[in-house]
Amino acid sequence: KPSSPCGFIIYFSKMDPRWGAKRKGRKRKRHPVRRDSGPDSACSTN
């Protein structure tokens, strides 16, 4: 018989504001945060 759910996932998509800021020539404010030393730790523009 069909069973009750044993798990869920919720997600959403959104335009990245960093991309819009780059197109319009605005600079994004930087805040002091602790970053991981692993690969790709720098923010990208999507």
PDB file of all heavy atoms in Angstrom:
ATOM      1  N   LYS A   1       0.841  -1.188   0.000  1.00  0.00           N
ATOM      2  CA  LYS A   1       0.000   0.000   0.000  1.00  0.00           C
ATOM      3  C   LYS A   1       0.883   1.248   0.000  1.00  0.00           C
ATOM      4  O   LYS A   1       1.988   1.229   0.533  1.00  0.00           O
ATOM      5  CB  LYS A   1      -0.913   0.004   1.224  1.00  0.00           C
ATOM      6  CG  LYS A   1      -1.917  -1.124   1.247  1.00  0.00           C
ATOM      7  CD  LYS A   1      -2.809  -1.024   2.468  1.00  0.00           C
ATOM      8  CE  LYS A   1      -3.837  -2.152   2.485  1.00  0.00           C
ATOM      9  NZ  LYS A   1      -4.721  -2.072   3.683  1.00  0.00           N
ATOM     10  N   PRO A   2       0.402   2.357  -0.587  1.00  0.00           N
ATOM     11  CA  PRO A   2       1.180   3.610  -0.568  1.00  0.00           C
ATOM     12  C   PRO A   2       1.520   4.011   0.864  1.00  0.00           C
ATOM     13  O   PRO A   2       0.651   4.026   1.733  1.00  0.00           O
ATOM     14  CB  PRO A   2       0.228   4.630  -1.225  1.00  0.00           C
ATOM     15  CG  PRO A   2      -0.691   3.793  -2.064  1.00  0.00           C
ATOM     16  CD  PRO A   2      -0.875   2.501  -1.310  1.00  0.00           C
ATOM     17  N   SER A   3       2.769   4.289   1.124  1.00  0.00           N
ATOM     18  CA  SER A   3       3.201   4.619   2.474  1.00  0.00           C
ATOM     19  C   SER A   3       3.239   6.123   2.681  1.00  0.00           C
ATOM     20  O   SER A   3       3.282   6.902   1.730  1.00  0.00           O
ATOM     21  CB  SER A   3       4.597   4.034   2.738  1.00  0.00           C
ATOM     22  OG  SER A   3       5.540   4.561   1.822  1.00  0.00           O
ATOM     23  N   SER A   4       3.242   6.524   3.945  1.00  0.00           N
ATOM     24  CA  SER A   4       3.385   7.940   4.268  1.00  0.00           C
ATOM     25  C   SER A   4       4.804   8.381   3.940  1.00  0.00           C
ATOM     26  O   SER A   4       5.745   7.575   3.983  1.00  0.00           O
ATOM     27  CB  SER A   4       3.084   8.174   5.750  1.00  0.00           C
ATOM     28  OG  SER A   4       1.771   7.783   6.066  1.00  0.00           O
ATOM     29  N   PRO A   5       5.008   9.647   3.635  1.00  0.00           N
ATOM     30  CA  PRO A   5       6.360  10.126   3.323  1.00  0.00           C
ATOM     31  C   PRO A   5       7.321   9.884   4.486  1.00  0.00           C
ATOM     32  O   PRO A   5       6.961  10.022   5.652  1.00  0.00           O
ATOM     33  CB  PRO A   5       6.151  11.625   3.073  1.00  0.00           C
ATOM     34  CG  PRO A   5       4.730  11.741   2.641  1.00  0.00           C
ATOM     35  CD  PRO A   5       4.002  10.713   3.461  1.00  0.00           C
ATOM     36  N   CYS A   6       8.539   9.500   4.144  1.00  0.00           N
ATOM     37  CA  CYS A   6       9.582   9.314   5.155  1.00  0.00           C
ATOM     38  C   CYS A   6      10.647  10.398   5.022  1.00  0.00           C
ATOM     39  O   CYS A   6      11.645  10.384   5.751  1.00  0.00           O
ATOM     40  CB  CYS A   6      10.217   7.933   5.027  1.00  0.00           C
ATOM     41  SG  CYS A   6      10.986   7.614   3.426  1.00  0.00           S
ATOM     42  N   GLY A   7      10.436  11.337   4.096  1.00  0.00           N
ATOM     43  CA  GLY A   7      11.386  12.422   3.929  1.00  0.00           C
ATOM     44  C   GLY A   7      10.838  13.487   2.994  1.00  0.00           C
ATOM     45  O   GLY A   7       9.936  13.225   2.187  1.00  0.00           O
ATOM     46  N   PHE A   8      11.365  14.699   3.115  1.00  0.00           N
ATOM     47  CA  PHE A   8      10.953  15.817   2.269  1.00  0.00           C
ATOM     48  C   PHE A   8      12.170  16.656   1.911  1.00  0.00           C
ATOM     49  O   PHE A   8      13.146  16.713   2.661  1.00  0.00           O
ATOM     50  CB  PHE A   8       9.941  16.722   2.982  1.00  0.00           C
ATOM     51  CG  PHE A   8       8.604  16.097   3.252  1.00  0.00           C
ATOM     52  CD1 PHE A   8       8.328  15.540   4.492  1.00  0.00           C
ATOM     53  CD2 PHE A   8       7.634  16.069   2.266  1.00  0.00           C
ATOM     54  CE1 PHE A   8       7.100  14.968   4.758  1.00  0.00           C
ATOM     55  CE2 PHE A   8       6.391  15.493   2.524  1.00  0.00           C
ATOM     56  CZ  PHE A   8       6.123  14.942   3.767  1.00  0.00           C
ATOM     57  N   ILE A   9      12.072  17.329   0.786  1.00  0.00           N
ATOM     58  CA  ILE A   9      13.065  18.331   0.416  1.00  0.00           C
ATOM     59  C   ILE A   9      12.311  19.544  -0.117  1.00  0.00           C
ATOM     60  O   ILE A   9      11.324  19.391  -0.853  1.00  0.00           O
ATOM     61  CB  ILE A   9      14.065  17.798  -0.631  1.00  0.00           C
ATOM     62  CG1 ILE A   9      15.210  18.785  -0.837  1.00  0.00           C
ATOM     63  CG2 ILE A   9      13.391  17.477  -1.953  1.00  0.00           C
ATOM     64  CD1 ILE A   9      16.355  18.226  -1.672  1.00  0.00           C
ATOM     65  N   ILE A  10      12.723  20.732   0.302  1.00  0.00           N
ATOM     66  CA  ILE A  10      12.127  21.985  -0.181  1.00  0.00           C
ATOM     67  C   ILE A  10      13.261  22.865  -0.702  1.00  0.00           C
ATOM     68  O   ILE A  10      14.261  23.065  -0.009  1.00  0.00           O
ATOM     69  CB  ILE A  10      11.364  22.726   0.930  1.00  0.00           C
ATOM     70  CG1 ILE A  10      10.222  21.858   1.471  1.00  0.00           C
ATOM     71  CG2 ILE A  10      10.799  24.048   0.403  1.00  0.00           C
ATOM     72  CD1 ILE A  10       9.430  22.522   2.595  1.00  0.00           C
ATOM     73  N   TYR A  11      13.105  23.375  -1.904  1.00  0.00           N
ATOM     74  CA  TYR A  11      14.121  24.250  -2.480  1.00  0.00           C
ATOM     75  C   TYR A  11      13.454  25.296  -3.358  1.00  0.00           C
ATOM     76  O   TYR A  11      12.269  25.184  -3.703  1.00  0.00           O
ATOM     77  CB  TYR A  11      15.139  23.443  -3.289  1.00  0.00           C
ATOM     78  CG  TYR A  11      14.581  22.724  -4.506  1.00  0.00           C
ATOM     79  CD1 TYR A  11      14.591  23.332  -5.769  1.00  0.00           C
ATOM     80  CD2 TYR A  11      14.052  21.444  -4.405  1.00  0.00           C
ATOM     81  CE1 TYR A  11      14.095  22.674  -6.884  1.00  0.00           C
ATOM     82  CE2 TYR A  11      13.544  20.784  -5.518  1.00  0.00           C
ATOM     83  CZ  TYR A  11      13.571  21.404  -6.753  1.00  0.00           C
ATOM     84  OH  TYR A  11      13.069  20.751  -7.859  1.00  0.00           O
ATOM     85  N   PHE A  12      14.213  26.342  -3.694  1.00  0.00           N
ATOM     86  CA  PHE A  12      13.671  27.383  -4.572  1.00  0.00           C
ATOM     87  C   PHE A  12      14.798  27.963  -5.407  1.00  0.00           C
ATOM     88  O   PHE A  12      15.977  27.856  -5.066  1.00  0.00           O
ATOM     89  CB  PHE A  12      12.966  28.487  -3.767  1.00  0.00           C
ATOM     90  CG  PHE A  12      13.868  29.220  -2.801  1.00  0.00           C
ATOM     91  CD1 PHE A  12      14.574  30.347  -3.191  1.00  0.00           C
ATOM     92  CD2 PHE A  12      13.996  28.775  -1.496  1.00  0.00           C
ATOM     93  CE1 PHE A  12      15.386  31.024  -2.298  1.00  0.00           C
ATOM     94  CE2 PHE A  12      14.812  29.446  -0.591  1.00  0.00           C
ATOM     95  CZ  PHE A  12      15.513  30.577  -0.998  1.00  0.00           C
ATOM     96  N   SER A  13      14.419  28.581  -6.510  1.00  0.00           N
ATOM     97  CA  SER A  13      15.390  29.227  -7.392  1.00  0.00           C
ATOM     98  C   SER A  13      15.217  30.733  -7.327  1.00  0.00           C
ATOM     99  O   SER A  13      14.121  31.231  -7.075  1.00  0.00           O
ATOM    100  CB  SER A  13      15.210  28.746  -8.841  1.00  0.00           C
ATOM    101  OG  SER A  13      13.907  29.037  -9.304  1.00  0.00           O
ATOM    102  N   LYS A  14      16.315  31.442  -7.551  1.00  0.00           N
ATOM    103  CA  LYS A  14      16.271  32.892  -7.449  1.00  0.00           C
ATOM    104  C   LYS A  14      17.397  33.504  -8.261  1.00  0.00           C
ATOM    105  O   LYS A  14      18.465  32.902  -8.412  1.00  0.00           O
ATOM    106  CB  LYS A  14      16.402  33.312  -5.981  1.00  0.00           C
ATOM    107  CG  LYS A  14      16.037  34.754  -5.681  1.00  0.00           C
ATOM    108  CD  LYS A  14      16.014  34.985  -4.175  1.00  0.00           C
ATOM    109  CE  LYS A  14      15.571  36.396  -3.844  1.00  0.00           C
ATOM    110  NZ  LYS A  14      15.522  36.631  -2.373  1.00  0.00           N
ATOM    111  N   MET A  15      17.165  34.733  -8.775  1.00  0.00           N
ATOM    112  CA  MET A  15      18.238  35.433  -9.460  1.00  0.00           C
ATOM    113  C   MET A  15      19.246  35.920  -8.434  1.00  0.00           C
ATOM    114  O   MET A  15      18.870  36.414  -7.370  1.00  0.00           O
ATOM    115  CB  MET A  15      17.711  36.618 -10.269  1.00  0.00           C
ATOM    116  CG  MET A  15      18.811  37.402 -10.988  1.00  0.00           C
ATOM    117  SD  MET A  15      18.173  38.680 -12.093  1.00  0.00           S
ATOM    118  CE  MET A  15      17.590  37.675 -13.443  1.00  0.00           C
ATOM    119  N   ASP A  16      20.510  35.772  -8.729  1.00  0.00           N
ATOM    120  CA  ASP A  16      21.560  36.178  -7.807  1.00  0.00           C
ATOM    121  C   ASP A  16      21.747  37.689  -7.876  1.00  0.00           C
ATOM    122  O   ASP A  16      22.094  38.220  -8.920  1.00  0.00           O
ATOM    123  CB  ASP A  16      22.870  35.475  -8.184  1.00  0.00           C
ATOM    124  CG  ASP A  16      23.922  35.606  -7.101  1.00  0.00           C
ATOM    125  OD1 ASP A  16      23.929  36.635  -6.407  1.00  0.00           O
ATOM    126  OD2 ASP A  16      24.728  34.682  -6.958  1.00  0.00           O
ATOM    127  N   PRO A  17      21.527  38.419  -6.768  1.00  0.00           N
ATOM    128  CA  PRO A  17      21.665  39.886  -6.788  1.00  0.00           C
ATOM    129  C   PRO A  17      23.081  40.341  -7.099  1.00  0.00           C
ATOM    130  O   PRO A  17      23.285  41.447  -7.587  1.00  0.00           O
ATOM    131  CB  PRO A  17      21.240  40.304  -5.375  1.00  0.00           C
ATOM    132  CG  PRO A  17      21.474  39.092  -4.541  1.00  0.00           C
ATOM    133  CD  PRO A  17      21.148  37.924  -5.446  1.00  0.00           C
ATOM    134  N   ARG A  18      24.073  39.475  -6.855  1.00  0.00           N
ATOM    135  CA  ARG A  18      25.451  39.857  -7.159  1.00  0.00           C
ATOM    136  C   ARG A  18      25.647  40.024  -8.661  1.00  0.00           C
ATOM    137  O   ARG A  18      26.405  40.856  -9.120  1.00  0.00           O
ATOM    138  CB  ARG A  18      26.417  38.798  -6.615  1.00  0.00           C
ATOM    139  CG  ARG A  18      26.409  38.681  -5.112  1.00  0.00           C
ATOM    140  CD  ARG A  18      27.222  37.514  -4.648  1.00  0.00           C
ATOM    141  NE  ARG A  18      26.715  36.260  -5.189  1.00  0.00           N
ATOM    142  CZ  ARG A  18      27.257  35.071  -4.931  1.00  0.00           C
ATOM    143  NH1 ARG A  18      28.309  34.985  -4.160  1.00  0.00           N
ATOM    144  NH2 ARG A  18      26.738  33.975  -5.438  1.00  0.00           N
ATOM    145  N   TRP A  19      24.911  39.207  -9.431  1.00  0.00           N
ATOM    146  CA  TRP A  19      25.014  39.298 -10.882  1.00  0.00           C
ATOM    147  C   TRP A  19      24.433  40.615 -11.371  1.00  0.00           C
ATOM    148  O   TRP A  19      24.991  41.314 -12.188  1.00  0.00           O
ATOM    149  CB  TRP A  19      24.269  38.126 -11.501  1.00  0.00           C
ATOM    150  CG  TRP A  19      24.300  38.107 -12.996  1.00  0.00           C
ATOM    151  CD1 TRP A  19      25.327  37.739 -13.809  1.00  0.00           C
ATOM    152  CD2 TRP A  19      23.228  38.459 -13.876  1.00  0.00           C
ATOM    153  NE1 TRP A  19      24.968  37.837 -15.123  1.00  0.00           N
ATOM    154  CE2 TRP A  19      23.676  38.277 -15.193  1.00  0.00           C
ATOM    155  CE3 TRP A  19      21.925  38.918 -13.670  1.00  0.00           C
ATOM    156  CZ2 TRP A  19      22.882  38.534 -16.301  1.00  0.00           C
ATOM    157  CZ3 TRP A  19      21.135  39.167 -14.780  1.00  0.00           C
ATOM    158  CH2 TRP A  19      21.618  38.973 -16.073  1.00  0.00           C
ATOM    159  N   GLY A  20      23.250  40.997 -10.809  1.00  0.00           N
ATOM    160  CA  GLY A  20      22.639  42.268 -11.189  1.00  0.00           C
ATOM    161  C   GLY A  20      23.514  43.443 -10.818  1.00  0.00           C
ATOM    162  O   GLY A  20      23.652  44.411 -11.568  1.00  0.00           O
ATOM    163  N   ALA A  21      24.141  43.381  -9.658  1.00  0.00           N
ATOM    164  CA  ALA A  21      25.004  44.475  -9.224  1.00  0.00           C
ATOM    165  C   ALA A  21      26.199  44.620 -10.146  1.00  0.00           C
ATOM    166  O   ALA A  21      26.632  45.720 -10.462  1.00  0.00           O
ATOM    167  CB  ALA A  21      25.475  44.217  -7.786  1.00  0.00           C
ATOM    168  N   LYS A  22      26.719  43.505 -10.614  1.00  0.00           N
ATOM    169  CA  LYS A  22      27.870  43.562 -11.513  1.00  0.00           C
ATOM    170  C   LYS A  22      27.493  44.213 -12.835  1.00  0.00           C
ATOM    171  O   LYS A  22      28.219  45.034 -13.378  1.00  0.00           O
ATOM    172  CB  LYS A  22      28.411  42.152 -11.755  1.00  0.00           C
ATOM    173  CG  LYS A  22      29.669  42.126 -12.602  1.00  0.00           C
ATOM    174  CD  LYS A  22      30.172  40.703 -12.762  1.00  0.00           C
ATOM    175  CE  LYS A  22      31.432  40.693 -13.631  1.00  0.00           C
ATOM    176  NZ  LYS A  22      31.923  39.309 -13.852  1.00  0.00           N
ATOM    177  N   ARG A  23      26.312  43.877 -13.358  1.00  0.00           N
ATOM    178  CA  ARG A  23      25.877  44.438 -14.635  1.00  0.00           C
ATOM    179  C   ARG A  23      25.677  45.941 -14.544  1.00  0.00           C
ATOM    180  O   ARG A  23      25.958  46.669 -15.479  1.00  0.00           O
ATOM    181  CB  ARG A  23      24.567  43.779 -15.075  1.00  0.00           C
ATOM    182  CG  ARG A  23      24.725  42.325 -15.498  1.00  0.00           C
ATOM    183  CD  ARG A  23      23.473  41.829 -16.154  1.00  0.00           C
ATOM    184  NE  ARG A  23      23.245  42.513 -17.416  1.00  0.00           N
ATOM    185  CZ  ARG A  23      22.142  42.355 -18.146  1.00  0.00           C
ATOM    186  NH1 ARG A  23      21.174  41.589 -17.721  1.00  0.00           N
ATOM    187  NH2 ARG A  23      21.992  43.006 -19.272  1.00  0.00           N
ATOM    188  N   LYS A  24      25.181  46.413 -13.400  1.00  0.00           N
ATOM    189  CA  LYS A  24      24.905  47.834 -13.252  1.00  0.00           C
ATOM    190  C   LYS A  24      26.092  48.612 -12.723  1.00  0.00           C
ATOM    191  O   LYS A  24      25.998  49.806 -12.482  1.00  0.00           O
ATOM    192  CB  LYS A  24      23.703  48.016 -12.317  1.00  0.00           C
ATOM    193  CG  LYS A  24      22.414  47.421 -12.896  1.00  0.00           C
ATOM    194  CD  LYS A  24      21.265  47.596 -11.933  1.00  0.00           C
ATOM    195  CE  LYS A  24      19.982  46.981 -12.505  1.00  0.00           C
ATOM    196  NZ  LYS A  24      18.851  47.140 -11.584  1.00  0.00           N
ATOM    197  N   GLY A  25      27.213  47.929 -12.518  1.00  0.00           N
ATOM    198  CA  GLY A  25      28.423  48.614 -12.102  1.00  0.00           C
ATOM    199  C   GLY A  25      28.496  48.949 -10.641  1.00  0.00           C
ATOM    200  O   GLY A  25      29.335  49.733 -10.213  1.00  0.00           O
ATOM    201  N   ARG A  26      27.590  48.345  -9.823  1.00  0.00           N
ATOM    202  CA  ARG A  26      27.617  48.628  -8.399  1.00  0.00           C
ATOM    203  C   ARG A  26      28.583  47.692  -7.707  1.00  0.00           C
ATOM    204  O   ARG A  26      28.752  46.550  -8.109  1.00  0.00           O
ATOM    205  CB  ARG A  26      26.219  48.464  -7.794  1.00  0.00           C
ATOM    206  CG  ARG A  26      25.190  49.405  -8.372  1.00  0.00           C
ATOM    207  CD  ARG A  26      23.967  49.431  -7.459  1.00  0.00           C
ATOM    208  NE  ARG A  26      23.382  48.112  -7.337  1.00  0.00           N
ATOM    209  CZ  ARG A  26      22.407  47.662  -8.122  1.00  0.00           C
ATOM    210  NH1 ARG A  26      21.944  48.426  -9.092  1.00  0.00           N
ATOM    211  NH2 ARG A  26      21.906  46.466  -7.952  1.00  0.00           N
ATOM    212  N   LYS A  27      29.181  48.175  -6.652  1.00  0.00           N
ATOM    213  CA  LYS A  27      30.083  47.346  -5.876  1.00  0.00           C
ATOM    214  C   LYS A  27      29.313  46.708  -4.727  1.00  0.00           C
ATOM    215  O   LYS A  27      28.517  47.346  -4.066  1.00  0.00           O
ATOM    216  CB  LYS A  27      31.243  48.184  -5.312  1.00  0.00           C
ATOM    217  CG  LYS A  27      32.200  48.674  -6.386  1.00  0.00           C
ATOM    218  CD  LYS A  27      33.369  49.399  -5.743  1.00  0.00           C
ATOM    219  CE  LYS A  27      34.366  49.836  -6.807  1.00  0.00           C
ATOM    220  NZ  LYS A  27      35.534  50.537  -6.188  1.00  0.00           N
ATOM    221  N   ARG A  28      29.575  45.443  -4.510  1.00  0.00           N
ATOM    222  CA  ARG A  28      28.918  44.730  -3.429  1.00  0.00           C
ATOM    223  C   ARG A  28      29.674  44.951  -2.128  1.00  0.00           C
ATOM    224  O   ARG A  28      30.886  44.868  -2.089  1.00  0.00           O
ATOM    225  CB  ARG A  28      28.879  43.228  -3.745  1.00  0.00           C
ATOM    226  CG  ARG A  28      28.149  42.402  -2.727  1.00  0.00           C
ATOM    227  CD  ARG A  28      27.935  40.983  -3.255  1.00  0.00           C
ATOM    228  NE  ARG A  28      29.204  40.380  -3.613  1.00  0.00           N
ATOM    229  CZ  ARG A  28      29.942  39.675  -2.765  1.00  0.00           C
ATOM    230  NH1 ARG A  28      29.547  39.543  -1.516  1.00  0.00           N
ATOM    231  NH2 ARG A  28      31.076  39.130  -3.154  1.00  0.00           N
ATOM    232  N   LYS A  29      28.945  45.252  -1.060  1.00  0.00           N
ATOM    233  CA  LYS A  29      29.581  45.452   0.227  1.00  0.00           C
ATOM    234  C   LYS A  29      30.189  44.154   0.717  1.00  0.00           C
ATOM    235  O   LYS A  29      29.636  43.086   0.533  1.00  0.00           O
ATOM    236  CB  LYS A  29      28.564  45.953   1.256  1.00  0.00           C
ATOM    237  CG  LYS A  29      28.057  47.354   0.986  1.00  0.00           C
ATOM    238  CD  LYS A  29      27.117  47.783   2.090  1.00  0.00           C
ATOM    239  CE  LYS A  29      26.621  49.219   1.857  1.00  0.00           C
ATOM    240  NZ  LYS A  29      25.697  49.633   2.937  1.00  0.00           N
ATOM    241  N   ARG A  30      31.330  44.263   1.347  1.00  0.00           N
ATOM    242  CA  ARG A  30      31.986  43.087   1.899  1.00  0.00           C
ATOM    243  C   ARG A  30      31.885  43.114   3.414  1.00  0.00           C
ATOM    244  O   ARG A  30      32.069  44.139   4.036  1.00  0.00           O
ATOM    245  CB  ARG A  30      33.458  43.034   1.472  1.00  0.00           C
ATOM    246  CG  ARG A  30      33.622  42.866  -0.032  1.00  0.00           C
ATOM    247  CD  ARG A  30      35.092  42.667  -0.399  1.00  0.00           C
ATOM    248  NE  ARG A  30      35.245  42.446  -1.814  1.00  0.00           N
ATOM    249  CZ  ARG A  30      35.128  41.267  -2.415  1.00  0.00           C
ATOM    250  NH1 ARG A  30      34.855  40.206  -1.679  1.00  0.00           N
ATOM    251  NH2 ARG A  30      35.295  41.130  -3.708  1.00  0.00           N
ATOM    252  N   HIS A  31      31.581  41.973   3.989  1.00  0.00           N
ATOM    253  CA  HIS A  31      31.445  41.873   5.435  1.00  0.00           C
ATOM    254  C   HIS A  31      32.487  40.893   5.946  1.00  0.00           C
ATOM    255  O   HIS A  31      32.797  39.905   5.290  1.00  0.00           O
ATOM    256  CB  HIS A  31      30.046  41.369   5.805  1.00  0.00           C
ATOM    257  CG  HIS A  31      28.965  42.263   5.298  1.00  0.00           C
ATOM    258  ND1 HIS A  31      28.630  43.445   5.906  1.00  0.00           N
ATOM    259  CD2 HIS A  31      28.156  42.156   4.209  1.00  0.00           C
ATOM    260  CE1 HIS A  31      27.643  44.023   5.244  1.00  0.00           C
ATOM    261  NE2 HIS A  31      27.340  43.256   4.208  1.00  0.00           N
ATOM    262  N   PRO A  32      33.040  41.143   7.137  1.00  0.00           N
ATOM    263  CA  PRO A  32      34.044  40.225   7.687  1.00  0.00           C
ATOM    264  C   PRO A  32      33.415  38.890   8.061  1.00  0.00           C
ATOM    265  O   PRO A  32      32.504  38.829   8.877  1.00  0.00           O
ATOM    266  CB  PRO A  32      34.546  40.958   8.934  1.00  0.00           C
ATOM    267  CG  PRO A  32      33.422  41.851   9.317  1.00  0.00           C
ATOM    268  CD  PRO A  32      32.767  42.276   8.033  1.00  0.00           C
ATOM    269  N   VAL A  33      33.854  37.827   7.416  1.00  0.00           N
ATOM    270  CA  VAL A  33      33.352  36.483   7.704  1.00  0.00           C
ATOM    271  C   VAL A  33      34.529  35.527   7.682  1.00  0.00           C
ATOM    272  O   VAL A  33      35.578  35.815   7.114  1.00  0.00           O
ATOM    273  CB  VAL A  33      32.315  36.024   6.646  1.00  0.00           C
ATOM    274  CG1 VAL A  33      31.051  36.836   6.737  1.00  0.00           C
ATOM    275  CG2 VAL A  33      32.899  36.101   5.243  1.00  0.00           C
ATOM    276  N   ARG A  34      34.337  34.390   8.314  1.00  0.00           N
ATOM    277  CA  ARG A  34      35.357  33.364   8.297  1.00  0.00           C
ATOM    278  C   ARG A  34      35.100  32.452   7.116  1.00  0.00           C
ATOM    279  O   ARG A  34      34.024  31.899   6.971  1.00  0.00           O
ATOM    280  CB  ARG A  34      35.291  32.558   9.601  1.00  0.00           C
ATOM    281  CG  ARG A  34      36.333  31.449   9.671  1.00  0.00           C
ATOM    282  CD  ARG A  34      36.188  30.707  10.992  1.00  0.00           C
ATOM    283  NE  ARG A  34      36.203  29.280  10.790  1.00  0.00           N
ATOM    284  CZ  ARG A  34      35.722  28.411  11.659  1.00  0.00           C
ATOM    285  NH1 ARG A  34      35.169  28.857  12.769  1.00  0.00           N
ATOM    286  NH2 ARG A  34      35.770  27.125  11.437  1.00  0.00           N
ATOM    287  N   ARG A  35      36.079  32.311   6.238  1.00  0.00           N
ATOM    288  CA  ARG A  35      35.906  31.484   5.048  1.00  0.00           C
ATOM    289  C   ARG A  35      36.670  30.180   5.187  1.00  0.00           C
ATOM    290  O   ARG A  35      37.718  30.125   5.793  1.00  0.00           O
ATOM    291  CB  ARG A  35      36.386  32.224   3.790  1.00  0.00           C
ATOM    292  CG  ARG A  35      35.535  33.439   3.472  1.00  0.00           C
ATOM    293  CD  ARG A  35      35.836  33.964   2.081  1.00  0.00           C
ATOM    294  NE  ARG A  35      35.015  35.102   1.783  1.00  0.00           N
ATOM    295  CZ  ARG A  35      33.764  35.037   1.393  1.00  0.00           C
ATOM    296  NH1 ARG A  35      33.192  33.872   1.256  1.00  0.00           N
ATOM    297  NH2 ARG A  35      33.073  36.128   1.144  1.00  0.00           N
ATOM    298  N   ASP A  36      36.110  29.149   4.597  1.00  0.00           N
ATOM    299  CA  ASP A  36      36.802  27.879   4.581  1.00  0.00           C
ATOM    300  C   ASP A  36      37.991  27.972   3.641  1.00  0.00           C
ATOM    301  O   ASP A  36      37.970  28.716   2.665  1.00  0.00           O
ATOM    302  CB  ASP A  36      35.837  26.780   4.095  1.00  0.00           C
ATOM    303  CG  ASP A  36      36.474  25.409   4.165  1.00  0.00           C
ATOM    304  OD1 ASP A  36      36.682  24.907   5.276  1.00  0.00           O
ATOM    305  OD2 ASP A  36      36.756  24.869   3.104  1.00  0.00           O
ATOM    306  N   SER A  37      39.026  27.218   3.928  1.00  0.00           N
ATOM    307  CA  SER A  37      40.239  27.293   3.108  1.00  0.00           C
ATOM    308  C   SER A  37      40.194  26.352   1.921  1.00  0.00           C
ATOM    309  O   SER A  37      41.172  26.238   1.184  1.00  0.00           O
ATOM    310  CB  SER A  37      41.459  26.951   3.977  1.00  0.00           C
ATOM    311  OG  SER A  37      41.317  25.665   4.547  1.00  0.00           O
ATOM    312  N   GLY A  38      39.076  25.666   1.735  1.00  0.00           N
ATOM    313  CA  GLY A  38      38.967  24.702   0.636  1.00  0.00           C
ATOM    314  C   GLY A  38      38.830  25.392  -0.706  1.00  0.00           C
ATOM    315  O   GLY A  38      38.763  26.623  -0.815  1.00  0.00           O
ATOM    316  N   PRO A  39      38.775  24.608  -1.789  1.00  0.00           N
ATOM    317  CA  PRO A  39      38.664  25.164  -3.134  1.00  0.00           C
ATOM    318  C   PRO A  39      37.351  25.885  -3.338  1.00  0.00           C
ATOM    319  O   PRO A  39      36.348  25.573  -2.705  1.00  0.00           O
ATOM    320  CB  PRO A  39      38.762  23.920  -4.035  1.00  0.00           C
ATOM    321  CG  PRO A  39      38.261  22.808  -3.164  1.00  0.00           C
ATOM    322  CD  PRO A  39      38.750  23.149  -1.789  1.00  0.00           C
ATOM    323  N   ASP A  40      37.366  26.862  -4.229  1.00  0.00           N
ATOM    324  CA  ASP A  40      36.157  27.607  -4.597  1.00  0.00           C
ATOM    325  C   ASP A  40      35.536  28.337  -3.425  1.00  0.00           C
ATOM    326  O   ASP A  40      34.328  28.566  -3.398  1.00  0.00           O
ATOM    327  CB  ASP A  40      35.097  26.666  -5.202  1.00  0.00           C
ATOM    328  CG  ASP A  40      35.607  25.931  -6.418  1.00  0.00           C
ATOM    329  OD1 ASP A  40      36.214  26.569  -7.291  1.00  0.00           O
ATOM    330  OD2 ASP A  40      35.411  24.720  -6.478  1.00  0.00           O
ATOM    331  N   SER A  41      36.329  28.721  -2.445  1.00  0.00           N
ATOM    332  CA  SER A  41      35.752  29.412  -1.288  1.00  0.00           C
ATOM    333  C   SER A  41      35.365  30.842  -1.610  1.00  0.00           C
ATOM    334  O   SER A  41      34.562  31.440  -0.920  1.00  0.00           O
ATOM    335  CB  SER A  41      36.750  29.398  -0.127  1.00  0.00           C
ATOM    336  OG  SER A  41      37.946  30.047  -0.494  1.00  0.00           O
ATOM    337  N   ALA A  42      35.922  31.435  -2.657  1.00  0.00           N
ATOM    338  CA  ALA A  42      35.567  32.795  -3.034  1.00  0.00           C
ATOM    339  C   ALA A  42      34.207  32.807  -3.712  1.00  0.00           C
ATOM    340  O   ALA A  42      33.829  31.875  -4.393  1.00  0.00           O
ATOM    341  CB  ALA A  42      36.619  33.366  -3.981  1.00  0.00           C
ATOM    342  N   CYS A  43      33.455  33.885  -3.507  1.00  0.00           N
ATOM    343  CA  CYS A  43      32.135  33.998  -4.119  1.00  0.00           C
ATOM    344  C   CYS A  43      32.264  34.152  -5.629  1.00  0.00           C
ATOM    345  O   CYS A  43      33.171  34.794  -6.128  1.00  0.00           O
ATOM    346  CB  CYS A  43      31.381  35.207  -3.552  1.00  0.00           C
ATOM    347  SG  CYS A  43      30.829  34.975  -1.858  1.00  0.00           S
ATOM    348  N   SER A  44      31.350  33.553  -6.349  1.00  0.00           N
ATOM    349  CA  SER A  44      31.321  33.696  -7.791  1.00  0.00           C
ATOM    350  C   SER A  44      30.148  34.581  -8.163  1.00  0.00           C
ATOM    351  O   SER A  44      29.322  34.919  -7.335  1.00  0.00           O
ATOM    352  CB  SER A  44      31.156  32.318  -8.445  1.00  0.00           C
ATOM    353  OG  SER A  44      29.986  31.692  -7.964  1.00  0.00           O
ATOM    354  N   THR A  45      30.060  34.980  -9.409  1.00  0.00           N
ATOM    355  CA  THR A  45      28.948  35.800  -9.868  1.00  0.00           C
ATOM    356  C   THR A  45      28.095  34.949 -10.785  1.00  0.00           C
ATOM    357  O   THR A  45      28.526  34.574 -11.874  1.00  0.00           O
ATOM    358  CB  THR A  45      29.451  37.051 -10.610  1.00  0.00           C
ATOM    359  OG1 THR A  45      30.344  36.653 -11.652  1.00  0.00           O
ATOM    360  CG2 THR A  45      30.172  37.978  -9.658  1.00  0.00           C
ATOM    361  N   ASN A  46      26.888  34.623 -10.344  1.00  0.00           N
ATOM    362  CA  ASN A  46      25.986  33.768 -11.092  1.00  0.00           C
ATOM    363  C   ASN A  46      24.728  34.548 -11.438  1.00  0.00           C
ATOM    364  O   ASN A  46      24.384  35.497 -10.757  1.00  0.00           O
ATOM    365  CB  ASN A  46      25.600  32.547 -10.252  1.00  0.00           C
ATOM    366  CG  ASN A  46      26.812  31.859  -9.668  1.00  0.00           C
ATOM    367  OD1 ASN A  46      27.753  31.591 -10.373  1.00  0.00           O
ATOM    368  ND2 ASN A  46      26.785  31.604  -8.366  1.00  0.00           N
TER     369      ASN A  46
END
